[in-house]
Amino acid sequence: MEQILANTKFGDPTSDKKPLIISGPCSAETEEQTLATMQALAKTGKVDVLRAGIWKPRTRPGSFEGIGTKGLPRLQKAKELTGLPVTVEVATAKQVEDALHFGVDILWIGARTTVNPFSVQDIADALKGVDVPVLIKNPINPDLELWIGAVERIQKAGIKK
């Protein structure tokens, strides 16, 4: 994991290293679909990190909101089969704990969560004492203060990457 990040611009936009490429299915709907997609991506040799959405925040109830925690073993298996690190979006402290339990290498906070300081703080609290990279998406309606606030909350939890 560290070597992959060291070979990319991750965290250093002034670097002349290659960009970090994260790819995978928007939604990990079935184990077969998830593993086939991730193995095909790994075979290209162009992907640094595999991703799949398992928690899909939706505006309206009744919409498909992802498969949830049962998708984490799929990510773990993809990691084992390909040797590539995996990442997943988290929106709650419980999701952080579950993702870390299954060996997720990078967490990301989605645009919908970034706009809620209470949610970001809960995630930050769950990350205390953990050394894992965290990506923070810009808010749906761009708001630099909300984005900076999210970054600061995660940094105060001790996350350096």
C-alpha atoms as a PDB file:
ATOM      1  CA  MET A   1       0.000   0.000   0.000  1.00  0.00           C
ATOM      2  CA  GLU A   2       2.684   2.499   0.994  1.00  0.00           C
ATOM      3  CA  GLN A   3       4.674   1.714  -2.169  1.00  0.00           C
ATOM      4  CA  ILE A   4       1.629   2.305  -4.373  1.00  0.00           C
ATOM      5  CA  LEU A   5       1.039   5.683  -2.759  1.00  0.00           C
ATOM      6  CA  ALA A   6       4.745   6.531  -2.953  1.00  0.00           C
ATOM      7  CA  ASN A   7       4.695   6.029  -6.743  1.00  0.00           C
ATOM      8  CA  THR A   8       1.773   8.403  -7.237  1.00  0.00           C
ATOM      9  CA  LYS A   9       0.825  12.035  -6.721  1.00  0.00           C
ATOM     10  CA  PHE A  10      -1.368  11.021  -3.762  1.00  0.00           C
ATOM     11  CA  GLY A  11      -1.095  13.872  -1.308  1.00  0.00           C
ATOM     12  CA  ASP A  12       1.428  15.840  -3.398  1.00  0.00           C
ATOM     13  CA  PRO A  13      -0.078  17.717  -6.365  1.00  0.00           C
ATOM     14  CA  THR A  14       3.337  19.188  -7.252  1.00  0.00           C
ATOM     15  CA  SER A  15       4.851  15.749  -7.814  1.00  0.00           C
ATOM     16  CA  ASP A  16       5.897  14.601 -11.259  1.00  0.00           C
ATOM     17  CA  LYS A  17       4.774  11.076 -10.388  1.00  0.00           C
ATOM     18  CA  LYS A  18       1.791   9.418 -12.063  1.00  0.00           C
ATOM     19  CA  PRO A  19      -1.780  10.100 -10.898  1.00  0.00           C
ATOM     20  CA  LEU A  20      -3.412   7.650  -8.518  1.00  0.00           C
ATOM     21  CA  ILE A  21      -5.999   5.631 -10.453  1.00  0.00           C
ATOM     22  CA  ILE A  22      -8.918   4.250  -8.440  1.00  0.00           C
ATOM     23  CA  SER A  23     -11.463   2.186 -10.332  1.00  0.00           C
ATOM     24  CA  GLY A  24     -14.229  -0.330  -9.807  1.00  0.00           C
ATOM     25  CA  PRO A  25     -17.976  -0.809  -9.948  1.00  0.00           C
ATOM     26  CA  CYS A  26     -20.153   2.016  -8.696  1.00  0.00           C
ATOM     27  CA  SER A  27     -22.104  -0.606  -6.812  1.00  0.00           C
ATOM     28  CA  ALA A  28     -20.948  -4.063  -5.681  1.00  0.00           C
ATOM     29  CA  GLU A  29     -24.271  -5.704  -6.479  1.00  0.00           C
ATOM     30  CA  THR A  30     -23.179  -9.347  -6.672  1.00  0.00           C
ATOM     31  CA  GLU A  31     -20.001 -11.166  -5.746  1.00  0.00           C
ATOM     32  CA  GLU A  32     -19.566 -12.391  -9.323  1.00  0.00           C
ATOM     33  CA  GLN A  33     -19.963  -8.888 -10.805  1.00  0.00           C
ATOM     34  CA  THR A  34     -17.651  -7.326  -8.239  1.00  0.00           C
ATOM     35  CA  LEU A  35     -14.843  -9.870  -8.519  1.00  0.00           C
ATOM     36  CA  ALA A  36     -15.006 -10.138 -12.326  1.00  0.00           C
ATOM     37  CA  THR A  37     -14.877  -6.349 -12.689  1.00  0.00           C
ATOM     38  CA  MET A  38     -12.049  -5.929 -10.230  1.00  0.00           C
ATOM     39  CA  GLN A  39      -9.967  -8.754 -11.681  1.00  0.00           C
ATOM     40  CA  ALA A  40     -10.408  -7.356 -15.196  1.00  0.00           C
ATOM     41  CA  LEU A  41      -9.342  -3.911 -13.987  1.00  0.00           C
ATOM     42  CA  ALA A  42      -6.303  -5.331 -12.200  1.00  0.00           C
ATOM     43  CA  LYS A  43      -5.233  -7.166 -15.366  1.00  0.00           C
ATOM     44  CA  THR A  44      -4.969  -3.854 -17.235  1.00  0.00           C
ATOM     45  CA  GLY A  45      -2.038  -2.882 -15.031  1.00  0.00           C
ATOM     46  CA  LYS A  46      -3.319   0.696 -15.015  1.00  0.00           C
ATOM     47  CA  VAL A  47      -5.295   0.681 -11.775  1.00  0.00           C
ATOM     48  CA  ASP A  48      -3.620   1.416  -8.430  1.00  0.00           C
ATOM     49  CA  VAL A  49      -6.597   0.919  -6.089  1.00  0.00           C
ATOM     50  CA  LEU A  50      -9.883  -0.961  -6.467  1.00  0.00           C
ATOM     51  CA  ARG A  51     -13.166   0.522  -5.268  1.00  0.00           C
ATOM     52  CA  ALA A  52     -16.792  -0.486  -5.051  1.00  0.00           C
ATOM     53  CA  GLY A  53     -19.814   1.160  -3.511  1.00  0.00           C
ATOM     54  CA  ILE A  54     -21.530  -0.948  -0.884  1.00  0.00           C
ATOM     55  CA  TRP A  55     -23.296   1.829   1.008  1.00  0.00           C
ATOM     56  CA  LYS A  56     -25.139   4.036  -1.479  1.00  0.00           C
ATOM     57  CA  PRO A  57     -26.710   7.104   0.139  1.00  0.00           C
ATOM     58  CA  ARG A  58     -29.901   7.988  -1.700  1.00  0.00           C
ATOM     59  CA  THR A  59     -32.215  10.947  -1.459  1.00  0.00           C
ATOM     60  CA  ARG A  60     -35.430   8.959  -1.353  1.00  0.00           C
ATOM     61  CA  PRO A  61     -36.277   5.844   0.631  1.00  0.00           C
ATOM     62  CA  GLY A  62     -36.943   2.727  -1.381  1.00  0.00           C
ATOM     63  CA  SER A  63     -34.098   3.370  -3.810  1.00  0.00           C
ATOM     64  CA  PHE A  64     -31.286   0.818  -3.891  1.00  0.00           C
ATOM     65  CA  GLU A  65     -28.951   1.829  -1.057  1.00  0.00           C
ATOM     66  CA  GLY A  66     -26.275  -0.756  -1.704  1.00  0.00           C
ATOM     67  CA  ILE A  67     -25.678  -4.188  -0.291  1.00  0.00           C
ATOM     68  CA  GLY A  68     -24.105  -2.895   2.902  1.00  0.00           C
ATOM     69  CA  THR A  69     -21.629  -4.642   5.137  1.00  0.00           C
ATOM     70  CA  LYS A  70     -21.999  -7.979   3.342  1.00  0.00           C
ATOM     71  CA  GLY A  71     -20.044  -6.374   0.480  1.00  0.00           C
ATOM     72  CA  LEU A  72     -16.898  -6.041   2.603  1.00  0.00           C
ATOM     73  CA  PRO A  73     -15.859  -9.702   2.216  1.00  0.00           C
ATOM     74  CA  ARG A  74     -16.113  -9.159  -1.549  1.00  0.00           C
ATOM     75  CA  LEU A  75     -13.651  -6.289  -1.340  1.00  0.00           C
ATOM     76  CA  GLN A  76     -11.397  -8.372   0.889  1.00  0.00           C
ATOM     77  CA  LYS A  77     -11.495 -11.233  -1.632  1.00  0.00           C
ATOM     78  CA  ALA A  78     -10.762  -8.871  -4.545  1.00  0.00           C
ATOM     79  CA  LYS A  79      -7.761  -7.583  -2.623  1.00  0.00           C
ATOM     80  CA  GLU A  80      -6.509 -11.130  -2.057  1.00  0.00           C
ATOM     81  CA  LEU A  81      -7.040 -12.152  -5.701  1.00  0.00           C
ATOM     82  CA  THR A  82      -5.461  -9.070  -7.281  1.00  0.00           C
ATOM     83  CA  GLY A  83      -2.919  -7.895  -4.721  1.00  0.00           C
ATOM     84  CA  LEU A  84      -4.296  -4.366  -5.082  1.00  0.00           C
ATOM     85  CA  PRO A  85      -5.479  -2.222  -2.172  1.00  0.00           C
ATOM     86  CA  VAL A  86      -9.197  -1.464  -1.870  1.00  0.00           C
ATOM     87  CA  THR A  87     -11.238   1.568  -0.910  1.00  0.00           C
ATOM     88  CA  VAL A  88     -14.851   2.183   0.028  1.00  0.00           C
ATOM     89  CA  GLU A  89     -17.039   5.150   0.912  1.00  0.00           C
ATOM     90  CA  VAL A  90     -18.043   5.473   4.562  1.00  0.00           C
ATOM     91  CA  ALA A  91     -20.686   7.712   6.089  1.00  0.00           C
ATOM     92  CA  THR A  92     -20.910   6.528   9.704  1.00  0.00           C
ATOM     93  CA  ALA A  93     -18.599   5.470  12.506  1.00  0.00           C
ATOM     94  CA  LYS A  94     -19.979   1.910  12.270  1.00  0.00           C
ATOM     95  CA  GLN A  95     -19.123   1.766   8.575  1.00  0.00           C
ATOM     96  CA  VAL A  96     -15.567   2.928   9.390  1.00  0.00           C
ATOM     97  CA  GLU A  97     -15.218   0.191  12.007  1.00  0.00           C
ATOM     98  CA  ASP A  98     -16.609  -2.480   9.671  1.00  0.00           C
ATOM     99  CA  ALA A  99     -14.416  -1.381   6.749  1.00  0.00           C
ATOM    100  CA  LEU A 100     -11.275  -1.407   8.882  1.00  0.00           C
ATOM    101  CA  HIS A 101     -12.207  -4.823  10.311  1.00  0.00           C
ATOM    102  CA  PHE A 102     -12.236  -6.203   6.750  1.00  0.00           C
ATOM    103  CA  GLY A 103      -8.890  -4.652   5.845  1.00  0.00           C
ATOM    104  CA  VAL A 104     -10.023  -1.790   3.636  1.00  0.00           C
ATOM    105  CA  ASP A 105      -6.887   0.211   2.819  1.00  0.00           C
ATOM    106  CA  ILE A 106      -8.312   3.647   2.016  1.00  0.00           C
ATOM    107  CA  LEU A 107     -11.570   5.188   3.188  1.00  0.00           C
ATOM    108  CA  TRP A 108     -13.416   7.974   1.472  1.00  0.00           C
ATOM    109  CA  ILE A 109     -15.990  10.374   2.747  1.00  0.00           C
ATOM    110  CA  GLY A 110     -18.573  11.096   0.086  1.00  0.00           C
ATOM    111  CA  ALA A 111     -19.922  14.436  -1.050  1.00  0.00           C
ATOM    112  CA  ARG A 112     -23.202  14.021   0.840  1.00  0.00           C
ATOM    113  CA  THR A 113     -21.422  13.261   4.112  1.00  0.00           C
ATOM    114  CA  THR A 114     -18.803  15.996   3.740  1.00  0.00           C
ATOM    115  CA  VAL A 115     -21.512  18.657   4.119  1.00  0.00           C
ATOM    116  CA  ASN A 116     -22.530  17.413   7.568  1.00  0.00           C
ATOM    117  CA  PRO A 117     -19.984  18.377  10.248  1.00  0.00           C
ATOM    118  CA  PHE A 118     -21.664  16.079  12.802  1.00  0.00           C
ATOM    119  CA  SER A 119     -21.264  13.071  10.497  1.00  0.00           C
ATOM    120  CA  VAL A 120     -17.661  13.971   9.672  1.00  0.00           C
ATOM    121  CA  GLN A 121     -16.892  14.318  13.376  1.00  0.00           C
ATOM    122  CA  ASP A 122     -18.372  10.877  14.099  1.00  0.00           C
ATOM    123  CA  ILE A 123     -16.161   9.423  11.364  1.00  0.00           C
ATOM    124  CA  ALA A 124     -13.135  11.320  12.709  1.00  0.00           C
ATOM    125  CA  ASP A 125     -13.796   9.946  16.202  1.00  0.00           C
ATOM    126  CA  ALA A 126     -13.925   6.400  14.790  1.00  0.00           C
ATOM    127  CA  LEU A 127     -10.577   6.972  13.065  1.00  0.00           C
ATOM    128  CA  LYS A 128      -8.637   8.005  16.175  1.00  0.00           C
ATOM    129  CA  GLY A 129      -5.611   5.776  16.593  1.00  0.00           C
ATOM    130  CA  VAL A 130      -5.815   4.429  13.037  1.00  0.00           C
ATOM    131  CA  ASP A 131      -3.294   5.069  10.273  1.00  0.00           C
ATOM    132  CA  VAL A 132      -5.280   4.840   7.063  1.00  0.00           C
ATOM    133  CA  PRO A 133      -5.516   7.278   4.141  1.00  0.00           C
ATOM    134  CA  VAL A 134      -8.835   9.114   3.923  1.00  0.00           C
ATOM    135  CA  LEU A 135     -10.146  10.806   0.784  1.00  0.00           C
ATOM    136  CA  ILE A 136     -12.673  13.591   1.288  1.00  0.00           C
ATOM    137  CA  LYS A 137     -14.903  14.443  -1.649  1.00  0.00           C
ATOM    138  CA  ASN A 138     -15.887  18.013  -2.282  1.00  0.00           C
ATOM    139  CA  PRO A 139     -19.476  18.808  -1.240  1.00  0.00           C
ATOM    140  CA  ILE A 140     -22.308  18.416  -3.754  1.00  0.00           C
ATOM    141  CA  ASN A 141     -22.783  22.184  -3.786  1.00  0.00           C
ATOM    142  CA  PRO A 142     -19.171  23.375  -3.670  1.00  0.00           C
ATOM    143  CA  ASP A 143     -18.491  25.032  -0.341  1.00  0.00           C
ATOM    144  CA  LEU A 144     -14.816  25.505   0.438  1.00  0.00           C
ATOM    145  CA  GLU A 145     -15.439  26.077   4.166  1.00  0.00           C
ATOM    146  CA  LEU A 146     -17.336  22.783   4.548  1.00  0.00           C
ATOM    147  CA  TRP A 147     -14.610  20.928   2.672  1.00  0.00           C
ATOM    148  CA  ILE A 148     -11.811  22.513   4.707  1.00  0.00           C
ATOM    149  CA  GLY A 149     -13.755  21.823   7.899  1.00  0.00           C
ATOM    150  CA  ALA A 150     -14.045  18.137   6.973  1.00  0.00           C
ATOM    151  CA  VAL A 151     -10.320  17.934   6.251  1.00  0.00           C
ATOM    152  CA  GLU A 152      -9.497  19.632   9.558  1.00  0.00           C
ATOM    153  CA  ARG A 153     -11.740  17.266  11.541  1.00  0.00           C
ATOM    154  CA  ILE A 154     -10.055  14.234   9.986  1.00  0.00           C
ATOM    155  CA  GLN A 155      -6.585  15.704  10.562  1.00  0.00           C
ATOM    156  CA  LYS A 156      -7.403  16.374  14.233  1.00  0.00           C
ATOM    157  CA  ALA A 157      -8.216  12.670  14.573  1.00  0.00           C
ATOM    158  CA  GLY A 158      -4.566  11.985  13.737  1.00  0.00           C
ATOM    159  CA  ILE A 159      -4.955  11.013  10.101  1.00  0.00           C
ATOM    160  CA  LYS A 160      -1.918  12.202   8.168  1.00  0.00           C
ATOM    161  CA  LYS A 161      -2.767  10.886   4.707  1.00  0.00           C
END
